[in-house]
C-alpha cells in the first residue's frame, strides 16, 4: 500500500468488502464541507470516483 503523512488515517482502498464498508461509513460522516480525493488513473479509480459521486448525491461531500 502507499505511505506518507496522513495515509494511515485518511486513505481507503476498495479492494475488499470490509474496506469498502469502512469507506462508506466515512463518507456518511462527512459534513457539508467534506472533500473526497480519488487517487489513481486506472479504470478502478474512475469507477470509484463515479461511485463516490453517486453515493454523496445529498451534497454532503464534493468530489474535486
N, C-alpha and C. Protein backbone atom coordinates (compact mmCIF):
# COMPACT_ATOMS: atom_id res chain seq x y z
N UNK A 1 0.85 -1.18 0.00
CA UNK A 1 0.00 0.00 0.00
C UNK A 1 0.89 1.23 0.00
N UNK A 2 0.29 2.39 0.05
CA UNK A 2 1.02 3.64 -0.01
C UNK A 2 1.43 4.10 1.38
N UNK A 3 2.42 4.97 1.43
CA UNK A 3 2.84 5.51 2.72
C UNK A 3 3.01 7.02 2.57
N UNK A 4 3.09 7.67 3.70
CA UNK A 4 3.25 9.12 3.71
C UNK A 4 2.39 9.71 4.81
N UNK A 5 2.59 10.97 5.11
CA UNK A 5 1.83 11.61 6.17
C UNK A 5 0.32 11.57 5.90
N UNK A 6 -0.43 11.07 6.86
CA UNK A 6 -1.88 11.06 6.76
C UNK A 6 -2.50 9.88 6.06
N UNK A 7 -1.70 9.05 5.41
CA UNK A 7 -2.26 7.93 4.65
C UNK A 7 -2.98 6.95 5.58
N UNK A 8 -2.36 6.58 6.67
CA UNK A 8 -2.97 5.59 7.58
C UNK A 8 -4.32 6.08 8.12
N UNK A 9 -4.43 7.38 8.36
CA UNK A 9 -5.65 7.92 8.94
C UNK A 9 -6.72 8.25 7.90
N UNK A 10 -6.32 8.56 6.68
CA UNK A 10 -7.28 9.13 5.74
C UNK A 10 -7.46 8.37 4.43
N UNK A 11 -6.62 7.40 4.13
CA UNK A 11 -6.71 6.71 2.85
C UNK A 11 -7.55 5.43 2.98
N UNK A 12 -8.24 5.13 1.91
CA UNK A 12 -9.06 3.92 1.85
C UNK A 12 -8.80 3.24 0.52
N UNK A 13 -8.77 1.93 0.53
CA UNK A 13 -8.68 1.21 -0.74
C UNK A 13 -10.04 0.57 -0.99
N UNK A 14 -10.26 0.07 -2.16
CA UNK A 14 -11.55 -0.54 -2.49
C UNK A 14 -11.36 -1.96 -3.00
N UNK A 15 -10.35 -2.63 -2.46
CA UNK A 15 -10.03 -3.97 -2.94
C UNK A 15 -10.81 -5.08 -2.25
N UNK A 16 -11.44 -4.80 -1.13
CA UNK A 16 -12.16 -5.85 -0.40
C UNK A 16 -13.39 -5.25 0.28
N UNK A 17 -14.39 -6.05 0.48
CA UNK A 17 -15.65 -5.58 1.06
C UNK A 17 -15.49 -4.87 2.39
N UNK A 18 -14.70 -5.38 3.35
CA UNK A 18 -14.56 -4.66 4.63
C UNK A 18 -14.00 -3.25 4.44
N UNK A 19 -13.07 -3.09 3.51
CA UNK A 19 -12.50 -1.78 3.25
C UNK A 19 -13.54 -0.84 2.64
N UNK A 20 -14.36 -1.37 1.75
CA UNK A 20 -15.40 -0.56 1.12
C UNK A 20 -16.44 -0.14 2.16
N UNK A 21 -16.79 -1.03 3.07
CA UNK A 21 -17.74 -0.68 4.13
C UNK A 21 -17.16 0.39 5.05
N UNK A 22 -15.86 0.33 5.32
CA UNK A 22 -15.20 1.36 6.12
C UNK A 22 -15.24 2.71 5.40
N UNK A 23 -15.00 2.69 4.09
CA UNK A 23 -15.08 3.91 3.29
C UNK A 23 -16.50 4.46 3.30
N UNK A 24 -17.48 3.60 3.15
CA UNK A 24 -18.89 4.04 3.16
C UNK A 24 -19.24 4.73 4.48
N UNK A 25 -18.79 4.15 5.58
CA UNK A 25 -19.05 4.75 6.89
C UNK A 25 -18.40 6.13 6.98
N UNK A 26 -17.20 6.26 6.45
CA UNK A 26 -16.51 7.56 6.49
C UNK A 26 -17.22 8.58 5.61
N UNK A 27 -17.69 8.17 4.46
CA UNK A 27 -18.44 9.07 3.59
C UNK A 27 -19.70 9.57 4.30
N UNK A 28 -20.33 8.69 5.06
CA UNK A 28 -21.52 9.08 5.80
C UNK A 28 -21.22 10.12 6.87
N UNK A 29 -19.98 10.13 7.38
CA UNK A 29 -19.58 11.07 8.43
C UNK A 29 -19.23 12.47 7.90
N UNK A 30 -19.00 12.60 6.60
CA UNK A 30 -18.58 13.88 6.05
C UNK A 30 -19.69 14.91 6.19
N UNK A 31 -19.30 16.10 6.55
CA UNK A 31 -20.26 17.18 6.68
C UNK A 31 -20.41 17.96 5.39
N UNK A 32 -21.02 19.12 5.49
CA UNK A 32 -21.25 19.97 4.32
C UNK A 32 -19.97 20.34 3.60
N UNK A 33 -18.86 20.45 4.31
CA UNK A 33 -17.60 20.86 3.69
C UNK A 33 -16.65 19.69 3.45
N UNK A 34 -17.17 18.48 3.44
CA UNK A 34 -16.33 17.31 3.22
C UNK A 34 -15.78 17.27 1.81
N UNK A 35 -14.58 16.79 1.67
CA UNK A 35 -13.93 16.64 0.36
C UNK A 35 -13.46 15.21 0.20
N UNK A 36 -13.50 14.73 -1.02
CA UNK A 36 -13.04 13.38 -1.35
C UNK A 36 -12.03 13.50 -2.47
N UNK A 37 -10.89 12.87 -2.31
CA UNK A 37 -9.87 12.83 -3.34
C UNK A 37 -9.67 11.38 -3.76
N UNK A 38 -9.87 11.10 -5.02
CA UNK A 38 -9.62 9.76 -5.55
C UNK A 38 -8.30 9.81 -6.28
N UNK A 39 -7.37 8.96 -5.87
CA UNK A 39 -6.03 8.93 -6.46
C UNK A 39 -5.92 7.70 -7.34
N UNK A 40 -5.49 7.91 -8.55
CA UNK A 40 -5.29 6.80 -9.48
C UNK A 40 -5.83 7.19 -10.84
N UNK A 41 -5.35 6.54 -11.85
CA UNK A 41 -5.79 6.87 -13.20
C UNK A 41 -6.28 5.68 -13.97
N UNK A 42 -6.48 4.60 -13.29
CA UNK A 42 -6.93 3.40 -14.00
C UNK A 42 -8.46 3.30 -13.93
N UNK A 43 -9.02 2.28 -14.51
CA UNK A 43 -10.47 2.13 -14.53
C UNK A 43 -11.06 1.98 -13.13
N UNK A 44 -10.34 1.35 -12.21
CA UNK A 44 -10.84 1.22 -10.84
C UNK A 44 -10.98 2.59 -10.20
N UNK A 45 -10.03 3.48 -10.41
CA UNK A 45 -10.11 4.83 -9.83
C UNK A 45 -11.27 5.61 -10.44
N UNK A 46 -11.48 5.47 -11.72
CA UNK A 46 -12.59 6.16 -12.38
C UNK A 46 -13.91 5.63 -11.85
N UNK A 47 -14.02 4.33 -11.72
CA UNK A 47 -15.24 3.75 -11.19
C UNK A 47 -15.46 4.16 -9.74
N UNK A 48 -14.38 4.19 -8.95
CA UNK A 48 -14.50 4.61 -7.55
C UNK A 48 -14.99 6.05 -7.47
N UNK A 49 -14.46 6.92 -8.31
CA UNK A 49 -14.88 8.33 -8.30
C UNK A 49 -16.35 8.46 -8.65
N UNK A 50 -16.82 7.72 -9.64
CA UNK A 50 -18.23 7.82 -10.01
C UNK A 50 -19.13 7.23 -8.93
N UNK A 51 -18.70 6.16 -8.29
CA UNK A 51 -19.49 5.56 -7.21
C UNK A 51 -19.57 6.49 -6.00
N UNK A 52 -18.47 7.13 -5.68
CA UNK A 52 -18.47 8.08 -4.56
C UNK A 52 -19.38 9.26 -4.88
N UNK A 53 -19.30 9.75 -6.10
CA UNK A 53 -20.17 10.86 -6.51
C UNK A 53 -21.64 10.48 -6.40
N UNK A 54 -21.96 9.28 -6.81
CA UNK A 54 -23.34 8.82 -6.72
C UNK A 54 -23.77 8.62 -5.27
N UNK A 55 -22.87 8.15 -4.44
CA UNK A 55 -23.18 7.88 -3.03
C UNK A 55 -23.36 9.15 -2.23
N UNK A 56 -22.86 10.26 -2.74
CA UNK A 56 -22.92 11.52 -2.00
C UNK A 56 -23.79 12.54 -2.72
N UNK A 57 -24.89 12.09 -3.29
CA UNK A 57 -25.76 12.99 -4.04
C UNK A 57 -26.45 14.02 -3.16
N UNK A 58 -26.44 13.82 -1.85
CA UNK A 58 -27.08 14.79 -0.96
C UNK A 58 -26.20 16.03 -0.76
N UNK A 59 -25.12 16.14 -1.49
CA UNK A 59 -24.18 17.26 -1.40
C UNK A 59 -23.47 17.30 -0.06
N UNK A 60 -23.43 16.18 0.64
CA UNK A 60 -22.68 16.13 1.90
C UNK A 60 -21.19 16.15 1.63
N UNK A 61 -20.79 15.81 0.44
CA UNK A 61 -19.37 15.82 0.08
C UNK A 61 -19.24 16.31 -1.36
N UNK A 62 -18.15 16.94 -1.64
CA UNK A 62 -17.86 17.37 -3.01
C UNK A 62 -16.68 16.58 -3.52
N UNK A 63 -16.76 16.20 -4.75
CA UNK A 63 -15.66 15.49 -5.40
C UNK A 63 -14.86 16.52 -6.17
N UNK A 64 -13.56 16.56 -5.90
CA UNK A 64 -12.70 17.53 -6.60
C UNK A 64 -11.60 16.79 -7.30
